[in-house]
Amino acid sequence: MANRILIVDDAAFMRMMIRDILSKNGYEVCGEANDGAQAIEKFKELKPDLITMDITMPEMDGIHALKEIKKIEPNAKVIMCSAMGQQAMVIDAIQAGAKDFIVKPFQADRVIEAIKKTLG
């Protein structure tokens, strides 16, 4: 069975890029969200195996959403995505329970490596 992944990013273009990388590598994208609040709702509804989560988003940022998702499901697997130069946020994300992080602009092999490592 393909691993089900939820993509969370406020930029439709970034979601499309990740979806493309995942589909080409045999992963199922079970849903998408464009902010943290929507990510939490989709997580409850879809119960994905893994979430790729942008850090900087309107309404609710990725770190806040990560913390809320971890309250619902402590074993949730989340990979954070951030632009260059957000090291402090990456550290916050890891402390909040993120399994890994990938830096934008995405490199397909790095995305797949992070996902394989996280899913085991």
PDB file of N, CA and C in Angstrom:
ATOM      1  N   MET A   1       0.844  -1.196   0.000  1.00  0.00           N
ATOM      2  CA  MET A   1       0.000   0.000   0.000  1.00  0.00           C
ATOM      3  C   MET A   1       0.878   1.245   0.000  1.00  0.00           C
ATOM      4  N   ALA A   2       0.535   2.206  -0.826  1.00  0.00           N
ATOM      5  CA  ALA A   2       1.327   3.436  -0.917  1.00  0.00           C
ATOM      6  C   ALA A   2       1.167   4.253   0.371  1.00  0.00           C
ATOM      7  N   ASN A   3       2.241   4.906   0.773  1.00  0.00           N
ATOM      8  CA  ASN A   3       2.159   5.783   1.936  1.00  0.00           C
ATOM      9  C   ASN A   3       1.357   7.019   1.564  1.00  0.00           C
ATOM     10  N   ARG A   4       0.453   7.410   2.469  1.00  0.00           N
ATOM     11  CA  ARG A   4      -0.418   8.553   2.221  1.00  0.00           C
ATOM     12  C   ARG A   4       0.187   9.805   2.837  1.00  0.00           C
ATOM     13  N   ILE A   5       0.336  10.847   2.030  1.00  0.00           N
ATOM     14  CA  ILE A   5       1.010  12.058   2.476  1.00  0.00           C
ATOM     15  C   ILE A   5       0.107  13.276   2.307  1.00  0.00           C
ATOM     16  N   LEU A   6       0.115  14.116   3.349  1.00  0.00           N
ATOM     17  CA  LEU A   6      -0.619  15.383   3.326  1.00  0.00           C
ATOM     18  C   LEU A   6       0.403  16.493   3.087  1.00  0.00           C
ATOM     19  N   ILE A   7       0.133  17.343   2.098  1.00  0.00           N
ATOM     20  CA  ILE A   7       1.043  18.449   1.770  1.00  0.00           C
ATOM     21  C   ILE A   7       0.449  19.751   2.312  1.00  0.00           C
ATOM     22  N   VAL A   8       1.244  20.472   3.096  1.00  0.00           N
ATOM     23  CA  VAL A   8       0.770  21.739   3.654  1.00  0.00           C
ATOM     24  C   VAL A   8       1.730  22.863   3.251  1.00  0.00           C
ATOM     25  N   ASP A   9       1.228  23.803   2.463  1.00  0.00           N
ATOM     26  CA  ASP A   9       2.018  24.963   2.043  1.00  0.00           C
ATOM     27  C   ASP A   9       1.045  26.014   1.559  1.00  0.00           C
ATOM     28  N   ASP A  10       1.308  27.286   1.878  1.00  0.00           N
ATOM     29  CA  ASP A  10       0.379  28.329   1.436  1.00  0.00           C
ATOM     30  C   ASP A  10       0.552  28.657  -0.048  1.00  0.00           C
ATOM     31  N   ALA A  11       1.646  28.222  -0.666  1.00  0.00           N
ATOM     32  CA  ALA A  11       1.879  28.488  -2.086  1.00  0.00           C
ATOM     33  C   ALA A  11       1.443  27.281  -2.925  1.00  0.00           C
ATOM     34  N   ALA A  12       0.450  27.494  -3.787  1.00  0.00           N
ATOM     35  CA  ALA A  12      -0.059  26.412  -4.639  1.00  0.00           C
ATOM     36  C   ALA A  12       1.066  25.830  -5.492  1.00  0.00           C
ATOM     37  N   PHE A  13       1.975  26.673  -5.939  1.00  0.00           N
ATOM     38  CA  PHE A  13       3.092  26.227  -6.766  1.00  0.00           C
ATOM     39  C   PHE A  13       3.981  25.229  -6.006  1.00  0.00           C
ATOM     40  N   MET A  14       4.241  25.510  -4.736  1.00  0.00           N
ATOM     41  CA  MET A  14       5.065  24.608  -3.919  1.00  0.00           C
ATOM     42  C   MET A  14       4.337  23.273  -3.696  1.00  0.00           C
ATOM     43  N   ARG A  15       3.037  23.345  -3.431  1.00  0.00           N
ATOM     44  CA  ARG A  15       2.264  22.108  -3.250  1.00  0.00           C
ATOM     45  C   ARG A  15       2.326  21.262  -4.517  1.00  0.00           C
ATOM     46  N   MET A  16       2.211  21.934  -5.668  1.00  0.00           N
ATOM     47  CA  MET A  16       2.258  21.235  -6.942  1.00  0.00           C
ATOM     48  C   MET A  16       3.631  20.575  -7.136  1.00  0.00           C
ATOM     49  N   MET A  17       4.696  21.295  -6.802  1.00  0.00           N
ATOM     50  CA  MET A  17       6.047  20.733  -6.943  1.00  0.00           C
ATOM     51  C   MET A  17       6.209  19.480  -6.079  1.00  0.00           C
ATOM     52  N   ILE A  18       5.781  19.565  -4.817  1.00  0.00           N
ATOM     53  CA  ILE A  18       5.925  18.415  -3.913  1.00  0.00           C
ATOM     54  C   ILE A  18       5.052  17.259  -4.407  1.00  0.00           C
ATOM     55  N   ARG A  19       3.803  17.567  -4.810  1.00  0.00           N
ATOM     56  CA  ARG A  19       2.899  16.519  -5.285  1.00  0.00           C
ATOM     57  C   ARG A  19       3.533  15.775  -6.455  1.00  0.00           C
ATOM     58  N   ASP A  20       4.142  16.528  -7.355  1.00  0.00           N
ATOM     59  CA  ASP A  20       4.788  15.961  -8.535  1.00  0.00           C
ATOM     60  C   ASP A  20       5.926  15.016  -8.133  1.00  0.00           C
ATOM     61  N   ILE A  21       6.779  15.465  -7.226  1.00  0.00           N
ATOM     62  CA  ILE A  21       7.910  14.646  -6.751  1.00  0.00           C
ATOM     63  C   ILE A  21       7.385  13.366  -6.106  1.00  0.00           C
ATOM     64  N   LEU A  22       6.360  13.495  -5.256  1.00  0.00           N
ATOM     65  CA  LEU A  22       5.827  12.339  -4.536  1.00  0.00           C
ATOM     66  C   LEU A  22       5.174  11.333  -5.479  1.00  0.00           C
ATOM     67  N   SER A  23       4.326  11.825  -6.389  1.00  0.00           N
ATOM     68  CA  SER A  23       3.624  10.914  -7.304  1.00  0.00           C
ATOM     69  C   SER A  23       4.610  10.137  -8.160  1.00  0.00           C
ATOM     70  N   LYS A  24       5.642  10.822  -8.654  1.00  0.00           N
ATOM     71  CA  LYS A  24       6.640  10.158  -9.497  1.00  0.00           C
ATOM     72  C   LYS A  24       7.399   9.077  -8.740  1.00  0.00           C
ATOM     73  N   ASN A  25       7.393   9.148  -7.415  1.00  0.00           N
ATOM     74  CA  ASN A  25       8.125   8.180  -6.606  1.00  0.00           C
ATOM     75  C   ASN A  25       7.206   7.193  -5.887  1.00  0.00           C
ATOM     76  N   GLY A  26       5.958   7.111  -6.342  1.00  0.00           N
ATOM     77  CA  GLY A  26       5.060   6.085  -5.839  1.00  0.00           C
ATOM     78  C   GLY A  26       4.332   6.397  -4.536  1.00  0.00           C
ATOM     79  N   TYR A  27       4.342   7.663  -4.112  1.00  0.00           N
ATOM     80  CA  TYR A  27       3.617   8.032  -2.898  1.00  0.00           C
ATOM     81  C   TYR A  27       2.239   8.566  -3.277  1.00  0.00           C
ATOM     82  N   GLU A  28       1.285   8.381  -2.383  1.00  0.00           N
ATOM     83  CA  GLU A  28      -0.073   8.869  -2.626  1.00  0.00           C
ATOM     84  C   GLU A  28      -0.267  10.176  -1.857  1.00  0.00           C
ATOM     85  N   VAL A  29      -0.623  11.231  -2.578  1.00  0.00           N
ATOM     86  CA  VAL A  29      -0.943  12.491  -1.909  1.00  0.00           C
ATOM     87  C   VAL A  29      -2.425  12.424  -1.570  1.00  0.00           C
ATOM     88  N   CYS A  30      -2.727  12.295  -0.253  1.00  0.00           N
ATOM     89  CA  CYS A  30      -4.126  12.105   0.147  1.00  0.00           C
ATOM     90  C   CYS A  30      -4.841  13.429   0.369  1.00  0.00           C
ATOM     91  N   GLY A  31      -4.074  14.534   0.436  1.00  0.00           N
ATOM     92  CA  GLY A  31      -4.720  15.821   0.624  1.00  0.00           C
ATOM     93  C   GLY A  31      -3.727  16.952   0.645  1.00  0.00           C
ATOM     94  N   GLU A  32      -4.258  18.172   0.593  1.00  0.00           N
ATOM     95  CA  GLU A  32      -3.436  19.378   0.640  1.00  0.00           C
ATOM     96  C   GLU A  32      -4.122  20.403   1.533  1.00  0.00           C
ATOM     97  N   ALA A  33      -3.302  21.241   2.170  1.00  0.00           N
ATOM     98  CA  ALA A  33      -3.836  22.334   2.985  1.00  0.00           C
ATOM     99  C   ALA A  33      -2.972  23.557   2.728  1.00  0.00           C
ATOM    100  N   ASN A  34      -3.579  24.756   2.878  1.00  0.00           N
ATOM    101  CA  ASN A  34      -2.790  25.960   2.602  1.00  0.00           C
ATOM    102  C   ASN A  34      -2.507  26.806   3.836  1.00  0.00           C
ATOM    103  N   ASP A  35      -2.847  26.305   5.022  1.00  0.00           N
ATOM    104  CA  ASP A  35      -2.391  26.957   6.255  1.00  0.00           C
ATOM    105  C   ASP A  35      -2.468  25.962   7.407  1.00  0.00           C
ATOM    106  N   GLY A  36      -1.928  26.349   8.548  1.00  0.00           N
ATOM    107  CA  GLY A  36      -1.836  25.446   9.687  1.00  0.00           C
ATOM    108  C   GLY A  36      -3.178  24.954  10.203  1.00  0.00           C
ATOM    109  N   ALA A  37      -4.163  25.861  10.268  1.00  0.00           N
ATOM    110  CA  ALA A  37      -5.482  25.477  10.785  1.00  0.00           C
ATOM    111  C   ALA A  37      -6.113  24.418   9.883  1.00  0.00           C
ATOM    112  N   GLN A  38      -5.995  24.621   8.578  1.00  0.00           N
ATOM    113  CA  GLN A  38      -6.536  23.665   7.617  1.00  0.00           C
ATOM    114  C   GLN A  38      -5.762  22.336   7.714  1.00  0.00           C
ATOM    115  N   ALA A  39      -4.462  22.421   7.980  1.00  0.00           N
ATOM    116  CA  ALA A  39      -3.631  21.216   8.119  1.00  0.00           C
ATOM    117  C   ALA A  39      -4.145  20.340   9.260  1.00  0.00           C
ATOM    118  N   ILE A  40      -4.514  20.958  10.371  1.00  0.00           N
ATOM    119  CA  ILE A  40      -5.002  20.214  11.540  1.00  0.00           C
ATOM    120  C   ILE A  40      -6.319  19.509  11.186  1.00  0.00           C
ATOM    121  N   GLU A  41      -7.226  20.229  10.522  1.00  0.00           N
ATOM    122  CA  GLU A  41      -8.508  19.641  10.123  1.00  0.00           C
ATOM    123  C   GLU A  41      -8.284  18.462   9.175  1.00  0.00           C
ATOM    124  N   LYS A  42      -7.431  18.664   8.178  1.00  0.00           N
ATOM    125  CA  LYS A  42      -7.156  17.602   7.189  1.00  0.00           C
ATOM    126  C   LYS A  42      -6.483  16.411   7.871  1.00  0.00           C
ATOM    127  N   PHE A  43      -5.609  16.684   8.839  1.00  0.00           N
ATOM    128  CA  PHE A  43      -4.931  15.601   9.546  1.00  0.00           C
ATOM    129  C   PHE A  43      -5.952  14.717  10.247  1.00  0.00           C
ATOM    130  N   LYS A  44      -6.911  15.352  10.948  1.00  0.00           N
ATOM    131  CA  LYS A  44      -7.949  14.599  11.671  1.00  0.00           C
ATOM    132  C   LYS A  44      -8.805  13.783  10.697  1.00  0.00           C
ATOM    133  N   GLU A  45      -9.120  14.405   9.570  1.00  0.00           N
ATOM    134  CA  GLU A  45     -10.012  13.785   8.593  1.00  0.00           C
ATOM    135  C   GLU A  45      -9.315  12.657   7.814  1.00  0.00           C
ATOM    136  N   LEU A  46      -8.084  12.887   7.373  1.00  0.00           N
ATOM    137  CA  LEU A  46      -7.419  11.957   6.449  1.00  0.00           C
ATOM    138  C   LEU A  46      -6.478  10.957   7.111  1.00  0.00           C
ATOM    139  N   LYS A  47      -6.004  11.277   8.311  1.00  0.00           N
ATOM    140  CA  LYS A  47      -5.030  10.426   9.012  1.00  0.00           C
ATOM    141  C   LYS A  47      -3.880   9.969   8.102  1.00  0.00           C
ATOM    142  N   PRO A  48      -3.121  10.920   7.570  1.00  0.00           N
ATOM    143  CA  PRO A  48      -2.026  10.567   6.655  1.00  0.00           C
ATOM    144  C   PRO A  48      -0.868   9.885   7.389  1.00  0.00           C
ATOM    145  N   ASP A  49      -0.038   9.165   6.634  1.00  0.00           N
ATOM    146  CA  ASP A  49       1.154   8.520   7.210  1.00  0.00           C
ATOM    147  C   ASP A  49       2.240   9.562   7.491  1.00  0.00           C
ATOM    148  N   LEU A  50       2.200  10.659   6.728  1.00  0.00           N
ATOM    149  CA  LEU A  50       3.241  11.673   6.848  1.00  0.00           C
ATOM    150  C   LEU A  50       2.695  13.016   6.370  1.00  0.00           C
ATOM    151  N   ILE A  51       3.244  14.092   6.924  1.00  0.00           N
ATOM    152  CA  ILE A  51       2.848  15.443   6.509  1.00  0.00           C
ATOM    153  C   ILE A  51       4.102  16.208   6.124  1.00  0.00           C
ATOM    154  N   THR A  52       4.053  16.911   4.986  1.00  0.00           N
ATOM    155  CA  THR A  52       5.109  17.890   4.699  1.00  0.00           C
ATOM    156  C   THR A  52       4.490  19.237   5.045  1.00  0.00           C
ATOM    157  N   MET A  53       5.149  19.999   5.899  1.00  0.00           N
ATOM    158  CA  MET A  53       4.560  21.219   6.456  1.00  0.00           C
ATOM    159  C   MET A  53       5.480  22.420   6.253  1.00  0.00           C
ATOM    160  N   ASP A  54       4.943  23.430   5.579  1.00  0.00           N
ATOM    161  CA  ASP A  54       5.672  24.684   5.431  1.00  0.00           C
ATOM    162  C   ASP A  54       5.716  25.364   6.798  1.00  0.00           C
ATOM    163  N   ILE A  55       6.761  26.140   7.062  1.00  0.00           N
ATOM    164  CA  ILE A  55       6.831  26.836   8.357  1.00  0.00           C
ATOM    165  C   ILE A  55       6.076  28.160   8.295  1.00  0.00           C
ATOM    166  N   THR A  56       6.357  28.969   7.285  1.00  0.00           N
ATOM    167  CA  THR A  56       5.777  30.310   7.224  1.00  0.00           C
ATOM    168  C   THR A  56       4.494  30.320   6.400  1.00  0.00           C
ATOM    169  N   MET A  57       3.362  30.472   7.103  1.00  0.00           N
ATOM    170  CA  MET A  57       2.055  30.515   6.432  1.00  0.00           C
ATOM    171  C   MET A  57       1.153  31.511   7.154  1.00  0.00           C
ATOM    172  N   PRO A  58       0.141  32.045   6.429  1.00  0.00           N
ATOM    173  CA  PRO A  58      -0.809  32.950   7.095  1.00  0.00           C
ATOM    174  C   PRO A  58      -1.709  32.173   8.057  1.00  0.00           C
ATOM    175  N   GLU A  59      -2.513  32.869   8.827  1.00  0.00           N
ATOM    176  CA  GLU A  59      -3.441  32.276   9.808  1.00  0.00           C
ATOM    177  C   GLU A  59      -2.698  31.568  10.933  1.00  0.00           C
ATOM    178  N   MET A  60      -2.133  30.390  10.640  1.00  0.00           N
ATOM    179  CA  MET A  60      -1.398  29.637  11.663  1.00  0.00           C
ATOM    180  C   MET A  60      -0.145  29.085  11.018  1.00  0.00           C
ATOM    181  N   ASP A  61       1.017  29.347  11.623  1.00  0.00           N
ATOM    182  CA  ASP A  61       2.260  28.859  11.022  1.00  0.00           C
ATOM    183  C   ASP A  61       2.437  27.362  11.244  1.00  0.00           C
ATOM    184  N   GLY A  62       3.420  26.810  10.548  1.00  0.00           N
ATOM    185  CA  GLY A  62       3.646  25.373  10.576  1.00  0.00           C
ATOM    186  C   GLY A  62       4.064  24.836  11.935  1.00  0.00           C
ATOM    187  N   ILE A  63       4.790  25.623  12.710  1.00  0.00           N
ATOM    188  CA  ILE A  63       5.256  25.144  14.018  1.00  0.00           C
ATOM    189  C   ILE A  63       4.078  25.021  14.982  1.00  0.00           C
ATOM    190  N   HIS A  64       3.199  26.011  14.960  1.00  0.00           N
ATOM    191  CA  HIS A  64       1.994  25.957  15.800  1.00  0.00           C
ATOM    192  C   HIS A  64       1.134  24.752  15.398  1.00  0.00           C
ATOM    193  N   ALA A  65       0.959  24.572  14.080  1.00  0.00           N
ATOM    194  CA  ALA A  65       0.161  23.444  13.583  1.00  0.00           C
ATOM    195  C   ALA A  65       0.803  22.116  13.984  1.00  0.00           C
ATOM    196  N   LEU A  66       2.129  22.041  13.895  1.00  0.00           N
ATOM    197  CA  LEU A  66       2.860  20.832  14.288  1.00  0.00           C
ATOM    198  C   LEU A  66       2.569  20.483  15.747  1.00  0.00           C
ATOM    199  N   LYS A  67       2.624  21.490  16.621  1.00  0.00           N
ATOM    200  CA  LYS A  67       2.382  21.261  18.047  1.00  0.00           C
ATOM    201  C   LYS A  67       0.956  20.754  18.277  1.00  0.00           C
ATOM    202  N   GLU A  68      -0.012  21.340  17.553  1.00  0.00           N
ATOM    203  CA  GLU A  68      -1.412  20.916  17.699  1.00  0.00           C
ATOM    204  C   GLU A  68      -1.601  19.483  17.198  1.00  0.00           C
ATOM    205  N   ILE A  69      -0.991  19.161  16.079  1.00  0.00           N
ATOM    206  CA  ILE A  69      -1.095  17.802  15.515  1.00  0.00           C
ATOM    207  C   ILE A  69      -0.465  16.792  16.468  1.00  0.00           C
ATOM    208  N   LYS A  70       0.658  17.159  17.090  1.00  0.00           N
ATOM    209  CA  LYS A  70       1.327  16.262  18.042  1.00  0.00           C
ATOM    210  C   LYS A  70       0.457  16.021  19.285  1.00  0.00           C
ATOM    211  N   LYS A  71      -0.391  17.001  19.637  1.00  0.00           N
ATOM    212  CA  LYS A  71      -1.315  16.806  20.769  1.00  0.00           C
ATOM    213  C   LYS A  71      -2.367  15.758  20.401  1.00  0.00           C
ATOM    214  N   ILE A  72      -2.819  15.795  19.145  1.00  0.00           N
ATOM    215  CA  ILE A  72      -3.834  14.859  18.666  1.00  0.00           C
ATOM    216  C   ILE A  72      -3.219  13.464  18.515  1.00  0.00           C
ATOM    217  N   GLU A  73      -2.033  13.419  17.891  1.00  0.00           N
ATOM    218  CA  GLU A  73      -1.371  12.145  17.610  1.00  0.00           C
ATOM    219  C   GLU A  73       0.127  12.294  17.861  1.00  0.00           C
ATOM    220  N   PRO A  74       0.574  11.901  19.065  1.00  0.00           N
ATOM    221  CA  PRO A  74       1.993  12.071  19.418  1.00  0.00           C
ATOM    222  C   PRO A  74       2.968  11.408  18.450  1.00  0.00           C
ATOM    223  N   ASN A  75       2.515  10.368  17.730  1.00  0.00           N
ATOM    224  CA  ASN A  75       3.402   9.683  16.791  1.00  0.00           C
ATOM    225  C   ASN A  75       3.326  10.211  15.360  1.00  0.00           C
ATOM    226  N   ALA A  76       2.627  11.319  15.161  1.00  0.00           N
ATOM    227  CA  ALA A  76       2.500  11.881  13.809  1.00  0.00           C
ATOM    228  C   ALA A  76       3.884  12.157  13.239  1.00  0.00           C
ATOM    229  N   LYS A  77       4.049  11.849  11.957  1.00  0.00           N
ATOM    230  CA  LYS A  77       5.328  12.075  11.281  1.00  0.00           C
ATOM    231  C   LYS A  77       5.211  13.330  10.424  1.00  0.00           C
ATOM    232  N   VAL A  78       6.000  14.340  10.783  1.00  0.00           N
ATOM    233  CA  VAL A  78       5.931  15.620  10.079  1.00  0.00           C
ATOM    234  C   VAL A  78       7.329  16.021   9.618  1.00  0.00           C
ATOM    235  N   ILE A  79       7.436  16.393   8.349  1.00  0.00           N
ATOM    236  CA  ILE A  79       8.679  16.936   7.813  1.00  0.00           C
ATOM    237  C   ILE A  79       8.418  18.403   7.525  1.00  0.00           C
ATOM    238  N   MET A  80       9.217  19.277   8.114  1.00  0.00           N
ATOM    239  CA  MET A  80       9.037  20.708   7.913  1.00  0.00           C
ATOM    240  C   MET A  80       9.761  21.168   6.649  1.00  0.00           C
ATOM    241  N   CYS A  81       9.193  22.180   6.007  1.00  0.00           N
ATOM    242  CA  CYS A  81       9.795  22.767   4.817  1.00  0.00           C
ATOM    243  C   CYS A  81      10.050  24.238   5.117  1.00  0.00           C
ATOM    244  N   SER A  82      11.234  24.706   4.790  1.00  0.00           N
ATOM    245  CA  SER A  82      11.496  26.118   5.034  1.00  0.00           C
ATOM    246  C   SER A  82      12.413  26.683   3.971  1.00  0.00           C
ATOM    247  N   ALA A  83      12.333  27.987   3.806  1.00  0.00           N
ATOM    248  CA  ALA A  83      13.228  28.664   2.875  1.00  0.00           C
ATOM    249  C   ALA A  83      14.597  28.811   3.547  1.00  0.00           C
ATOM    250  N   MET A  84      15.590  29.123   2.783  1.00  0.00           N
ATOM    251  CA  MET A  84      16.931  29.328   3.317  1.00  0.00           C
ATOM    252  C   MET A  84      16.912  30.390   4.411  1.00  0.00           C
ATOM    253  N   GLY A  85      17.809  30.260   5.364  1.00  0.00           N
ATOM    254  CA  GLY A  85      17.969  31.304   6.363  1.00  0.00           C
ATOM    255  C   GLY A  85      16.953  31.267   7.484  1.00  0.00           C
ATOM    256  N   GLN A  86      16.260  30.144   7.654  1.00  0.00           N
ATOM    257  CA  GLN A  86      15.290  30.055   8.751  1.00  0.00           C
ATOM    258  C   GLN A  86      15.762  29.042   9.792  1.00  0.00           C
ATOM    259  N   GLN A  87      17.067  29.017  10.058  1.00  0.00           N
ATOM    260  CA  GLN A  87      17.634  28.018  10.965  1.00  0.00           C
ATOM    261  C   GLN A  87      16.968  27.993  12.327  1.00  0.00           C
ATOM    262  N   ALA A  88      16.696  29.166  12.895  1.00  0.00           N
ATOM    263  CA  ALA A  88      16.085  29.223  14.226  1.00  0.00           C
ATOM    264  C   ALA A  88      14.730  28.538  14.211  1.00  0.00           C
ATOM    265  N   MET A  89      13.968  28.766  13.143  1.00  0.00           N
ATOM    266  CA  MET A  89      12.652  28.140  13.029  1.00  0.00           C
ATOM    267  C   MET A  89      12.777  26.630  12.869  1.00  0.00           C
ATOM    268  N   VAL A  90      13.795  26.201  12.148  1.00  0.00           N
ATOM    269  CA  VAL A  90      14.020  24.765  11.956  1.00  0.00           C
ATOM    270  C   VAL A  90      14.290  24.100  13.305  1.00  0.00           C
ATOM    271  N   ILE A  91      15.101  24.743  14.129  1.00  0.00           N
ATOM    272  CA  ILE A  91      15.403  24.217  15.470  1.00  0.00           C
ATOM    273  C   ILE A  91      14.111  24.134  16.282  1.00  0.00           C
ATOM    274  N   ASP A  92      13.288  25.194  16.234  1.00  0.00           N
ATOM    275  CA  ASP A  92      11.992  25.179  16.931  1.00  0.00           C
ATOM    276  C   ASP A  92      11.143  23.999  16.453  1.00  0.00           C
ATOM    277  N   ALA A  93      11.142  23.780  15.151  1.00  0.00           N
ATOM    278  CA  ALA A  93      10.331  22.711  14.569  1.00  0.00           C
ATOM    279  C   ALA A  93      10.789  21.335  15.053  1.00  0.00           C
ATOM    280  N   ILE A  94      12.093  21.123  15.081  1.00  0.00           N
ATOM    281  CA  ILE A  94      12.629  19.836  15.540  1.00  0.00           C
ATOM    282  C   ILE A  94      12.288  19.641  17.027  1.00  0.00           C
ATOM    283  N   GLN A  95      12.429  20.705  17.813  1.00  0.00           N
ATOM    284  CA  GLN A  95      12.091  20.612  19.237  1.00  0.00           C
ATOM    285  C   GLN A  95      10.601  20.341  19.429  1.00  0.00           C
ATOM    286  N   ALA A  96       9.782  20.834  18.513  1.00  0.00           N
ATOM    287  CA  ALA A  96       8.333  20.624  18.609  1.00  0.00           C
ATOM    288  C   ALA A  96       7.929  19.230  18.118  1.00  0.00           C
ATOM    289  N   GLY A  97       8.882  18.494  17.556  1.00  0.00           N
ATOM    290  CA  GLY A  97       8.581  17.116  17.175  1.00  0.00           C
ATOM    291  C   GLY A  97       8.676  16.781  15.700  1.00  0.00           C
ATOM    292  N   ALA A  98       9.152  17.723  14.882  1.00  0.00           N
ATOM    293  CA  ALA A  98       9.320  17.411  13.459  1.00  0.00           C
ATOM    294  C   ALA A  98      10.401  16.346  13.302  1.00  0.00           C
ATOM    295  N   LYS A  99      10.225  15.460  12.340  1.00  0.00           N
ATOM    296  CA  LYS A  99      11.166  14.357  12.128  1.00  0.00           C
ATOM    297  C   LYS A  99      12.358  14.784  11.280  1.00  0.00           C
ATOM    298  N   ASP A 100      12.159  15.783  10.425  1.00  0.00           N
ATOM    299  CA  ASP A 100      13.209  16.201   9.502  1.00  0.00           C
ATOM    300  C   ASP A 100      12.785  17.540   8.922  1.00  0.00           C
ATOM    301  N   PHE A 101      13.647  18.141   8.129  1.00  0.00           N
ATOM    302  CA  PHE A 101      13.243  19.341   7.417  1.00  0.00           C
ATOM    303  C   PHE A 101      13.919  19.366   6.062  1.00  0.00           C
ATOM    304  N   ILE A 102      13.230  19.968   5.114  1.00  0.00           N
ATOM    305  CA  ILE A 102      13.789  20.136   3.781  1.00  0.00           C
ATOM    306  C   ILE A 102      13.764  21.618   3.450  1.00  0.00           C
ATOM    307  N   VAL A 103      14.755  22.044   2.719  1.00  0.00           N
ATOM    308  CA  VAL A 103      14.911  23.470   2.415  1.00  0.00           C
ATOM    309  C   VAL A 103      14.416  23.762   1.001  1.00  0.00           C
ATOM    310  N   LYS A 104      13.699  24.866   0.880  1.00  0.00           N
ATOM    311  CA  LYS A 104      13.252  25.330  -0.442  1.00  0.00           C
ATOM    312  C   LYS A 104      14.388  26.121  -1.071  1.00  0.00           C
ATOM    313  N   PRO A 105      14.546  26.130  -2.360  1.00  0.00           N
ATOM    314  CA  PRO A 105      13.771  25.353  -3.333  1.00  0.00           C
ATOM    315  C   PRO A 105      14.073  23.857  -3.211  1.00  0.00           C
ATOM    316  N   PHE A 106      13.039  23.049  -3.396  1.00  0.00           N
ATOM    317  CA  PHE A 106      13.173  21.616  -3.175  1.00  0.00           C
ATOM    318  C   PHE A 106      14.049  20.932  -4.206  1.00  0.00           C
ATOM    319  N   GLN A 107      14.817  19.966  -3.721  1.00  0.00           N
ATOM    320  CA  GLN A 107      15.520  19.062  -4.622  1.00  0.00           C
ATOM    321  C   GLN A 107      14.851  17.715  -4.438  1.00  0.00           C
ATOM    322  N   ALA A 108      14.379  17.152  -5.535  1.00  0.00           N
ATOM    323  CA  ALA A 108      13.585  15.924  -5.479  1.00  0.00           C
ATOM    324  C   ALA A 108      14.259  14.829  -4.662  1.00  0.00           C
ATOM    325  N   ASP A 109      15.558  14.606  -4.866  1.00  0.00           N
ATOM    326  CA  ASP A 109      16.219  13.512  -4.146  1.00  0.00           C
ATOM    327  C   ASP A 109      16.261  13.763  -2.642  1.00  0.00           C
ATOM    328  N   ARG A 110      16.378  15.021  -2.240  1.00  0.00           N
ATOM    329  CA  ARG A 110      16.385  15.351  -0.804  1.00  0.00           C
ATOM    330  C   ARG A 110      14.999  15.125  -0.193  1.00  0.00           C
ATOM    331  N   VAL A 111      13.957  15.479  -0.936  1.00  0.00           N
ATOM    332  CA  VAL A 111      12.583  15.281  -0.462  1.00  0.00           C
ATOM    333  C   VAL A 111      12.333  13.787  -0.248  1.00  0.00           C
ATOM    334  N   ILE A 112      12.681  12.976  -1.233  1.00  0.00           N
ATOM    335  CA  ILE A 112      12.454  11.531  -1.152  1.00  0.00           C
ATOM    336  C   ILE A 112      13.305  10.908  -0.045  1.00  0.00           C
ATOM    337  N   GLU A 113      14.537  11.368   0.087  1.00  0.00           N
ATOM    338  CA  GLU A 113      15.422  10.861   1.145  1.00  0.00           C
ATOM    339  C   GLU A 113      14.803  11.119   2.527  1.00  0.00           C
ATOM    340  N   ALA A 114      14.313  12.329   2.737  1.00  0.00           N
ATOM    341  CA  ALA A 114      13.699  12.702   4.028  1.00  0.00           C
ATOM    342  C   ALA A 114      12.464  11.847   4.296  1.00  0.00           C
ATOM    343  N   ILE A 115      11.656  11.621   3.269  1.00  0.00           N
ATOM    344  CA  ILE A 115      10.424  10.849   3.427  1.00  0.00           C
ATOM    345  C   ILE A 115      10.745   9.385   3.728  1.00  0.00           C
ATOM    346  N   LYS A 116      11.672   8.811   2.974  1.00  0.00           N
ATOM    347  CA  LYS A 116      12.045   7.404   3.214  1.00  0.00           C
ATOM    348  C   LYS A 116      12.595   7.224   4.625  1.00  0.00           C
ATOM    349  N   LYS A 117      13.441   8.177   5.054  1.00  0.00           N
ATOM    350  CA  LYS A 117      14.052   8.095   6.385  1.00  0.00           C
ATOM    351  C   LYS A 117      12.964   8.188   7.464  1.00  0.00           C
ATOM    352  N   THR A 118      12.015   9.083   7.282  1.00  0.00           N
ATOM    353  CA  THR A 118      10.978   9.306   8.273  1.00  0.00           C
ATOM    354  C   THR A 118       9.989   8.135   8.350  1.00  0.00           C
ATOM    355  N   LEU A 119       9.637   7.599   7.191  1.00  0.00           N
ATOM    356  CA  LEU A 119       8.683   6.496   7.186  1.00  0.00           C
ATOM    357  C   LEU A 119       9.337   5.175   7.571  1.00  0.00           C
ATOM    358  N   GLY A 120      10.665   5.151   7.524  1.00  0.00           N
ATOM    359  CA  GLY A 120      11.393   3.951   7.947  1.00  0.00           C
ATOM    360  C   GLY A 120      11.471   2.931   6.858  1.00  0.00           C
TER     361      GLY A 120
END
